[in-house]
C-alpha cells in the first residue's frame, strides 16, 4: 500500500508543478488554490508512504517520478523539447527509481 501512496504523492507533485506553470501564465485565486492543494496532497501521501518506505528511497522515487511526469507534461501540453538526449536521461531517472524499489 505504501508504494501506491508514493505513486499518488508523485501525481500530486506533477500536478503541482503544472499548476505553477499555469499560475505564472494567469494569476487567479483558483489556480493558486489548486497549486496549494496539489502539493499539499502530495505531501500527505508522501508522509503516508514514508511510514513503510525508508526516507531516502521514498524521496528519491517521489522526486524522480515527479520530474519525469513534469517533463512529459511539459512536452505534451507546453510544447517543450522532446529530444532524444532528454528522453535518455529521463529513462535513467526511471531506471534509478526502479532500482531503488528492487534493491531497496
Protein backbone atom coordinates (compact mmCIF):
# COMPACT_ATOMS: atom_id res chain seq x y z
CA UNK A 1 0.00 0.00 0.00
CA UNK A 2 2.90 2.35 0.74
CA UNK A 3 4.06 2.20 -2.88
CA UNK A 4 0.56 3.16 -4.05
CA UNK A 5 0.68 6.13 -1.68
CA UNK A 6 4.06 7.07 -3.14
CA UNK A 7 2.70 6.98 -6.70
CA UNK A 8 -0.25 9.14 -5.64
CA UNK A 9 2.19 11.55 -3.95
CA UNK A 10 4.15 11.73 -7.20
CA UNK A 11 1.00 12.66 -9.10
CA UNK A 12 0.43 15.44 -6.54
CA UNK A 13 3.88 16.79 -7.28
CA UNK A 14 3.39 16.51 -11.04
CA UNK A 15 0.07 18.33 -10.87
CA UNK A 16 1.57 20.92 -8.53
CA UNK A 17 4.39 21.71 -10.94
CA UNK A 18 1.91 22.03 -13.78
CA UNK A 19 -0.17 24.36 -11.62
CA UNK A 20 2.88 26.55 -11.02
CA UNK A 21 3.22 26.99 -14.77
CA UNK A 22 -0.49 27.72 -15.16
CA UNK A 23 -0.42 30.17 -12.24
CA UNK A 24 2.52 32.04 -13.76
CA UNK A 25 0.56 32.40 -17.00
CA UNK A 26 -2.55 33.76 -15.28
CA UNK A 27 -2.65 34.54 -11.59
CA UNK A 28 -6.10 33.65 -10.30
CA UNK A 29 -7.16 32.58 -6.80
CA UNK A 30 -8.48 29.27 -8.18
CA UNK A 31 -5.14 28.40 -9.77
CA UNK A 32 -3.33 29.30 -6.56
CA UNK A 33 -5.71 27.11 -4.55
CA UNK A 34 -5.22 24.23 -6.99
CA UNK A 35 -1.45 24.65 -6.68
CA UNK A 36 -1.51 24.58 -2.88
CA UNK A 37 -3.92 21.63 -2.77
CA UNK A 38 -1.85 19.63 -5.27
CA UNK A 39 1.38 19.99 -3.36
CA UNK A 40 -0.40 19.58 -0.02
CA UNK A 41 -2.00 16.33 -1.13
CA UNK A 42 1.32 15.13 -2.46
CA UNK A 43 2.98 15.79 0.90
CA UNK A 44 0.21 13.98 2.78
CA UNK A 45 0.58 10.86 0.64
CA UNK A 46 4.38 11.08 0.81
CA UNK A 47 4.16 11.08 4.61
CA UNK A 48 1.86 8.04 4.49
CA UNK A 49 4.28 6.21 2.20
CA UNK A 50 7.22 7.02 4.46
CA UNK A 51 5.64 5.04 7.27
CA UNK A 52 6.78 1.88 5.46
CA UNK A 53 9.37 3.06 2.93
CA UNK A 54 12.71 4.49 4.02
CA UNK A 55 13.08 8.25 3.71
CA UNK A 56 15.87 8.14 1.13
CA UNK A 57 14.06 5.72 -1.15
CA UNK A 58 10.69 7.43 -0.81
CA UNK A 59 12.12 10.87 -1.51
CA UNK A 60 14.21 9.69 -4.47
CA UNK A 61 11.27 7.90 -6.08
CA UNK A 62 8.89 10.80 -5.37
CA UNK A 63 11.15 13.42 -6.88
CA UNK A 64 12.18 11.13 -9.75
CA UNK A 65 8.64 10.34 -10.81
CA UNK A 66 7.68 13.96 -10.26
CA UNK A 67 10.50 15.14 -12.51
CA UNK A 68 9.67 12.64 -15.24
CA UNK A 69 5.98 13.49 -15.08
CA UNK A 70 6.65 17.22 -15.15
CA UNK A 71 8.91 16.90 -18.18
CA UNK A 72 6.37 14.72 -20.00
CA UNK A 73 3.56 17.19 -19.25
CA UNK A 74 5.80 20.00 -20.46
CA UNK A 75 6.40 18.16 -23.72
CA UNK A 76 2.73 17.24 -24.21
CA UNK A 77 0.96 20.41 -23.06
CA UNK A 78 3.52 23.21 -23.11
CA UNK A 79 5.42 22.35 -26.32
CA UNK A 80 8.78 21.81 -24.62
CA UNK A 81 11.62 19.97 -26.36
CA UNK A 82 11.48 16.17 -26.54
CA UNK A 83 14.95 15.45 -27.90
CA UNK A 84 16.47 12.01 -27.66
CA UNK A 85 19.06 13.10 -25.09
CA UNK A 86 16.36 14.47 -22.84
CA UNK A 87 14.38 11.23 -23.11
CA UNK A 88 17.53 9.18 -22.47
CA UNK A 89 18.17 10.94 -19.18
CA UNK A 90 14.51 10.65 -18.19
CA UNK A 91 14.83 6.89 -18.66
CA UNK A 92 17.87 7.00 -16.36
CA UNK A 93 15.71 8.62 -13.67
CA UNK A 94 13.07 5.90 -14.09
CA UNK A 95 15.76 3.19 -14.01
CA UNK A 96 17.12 4.62 -10.77
CA UNK A 97 13.68 4.63 -9.15
CA UNK A 98 13.07 1.04 -10.25
CA UNK A 99 16.49 0.06 -8.93
CA UNK A 100 15.68 1.56 -5.54
CA UNK A 101 12.47 -0.46 -5.42
CA UNK A 102 14.12 -3.70 -6.49
CA UNK A 103 17.25 -3.44 -4.36
CA UNK A 104 15.99 -1.19 -1.54
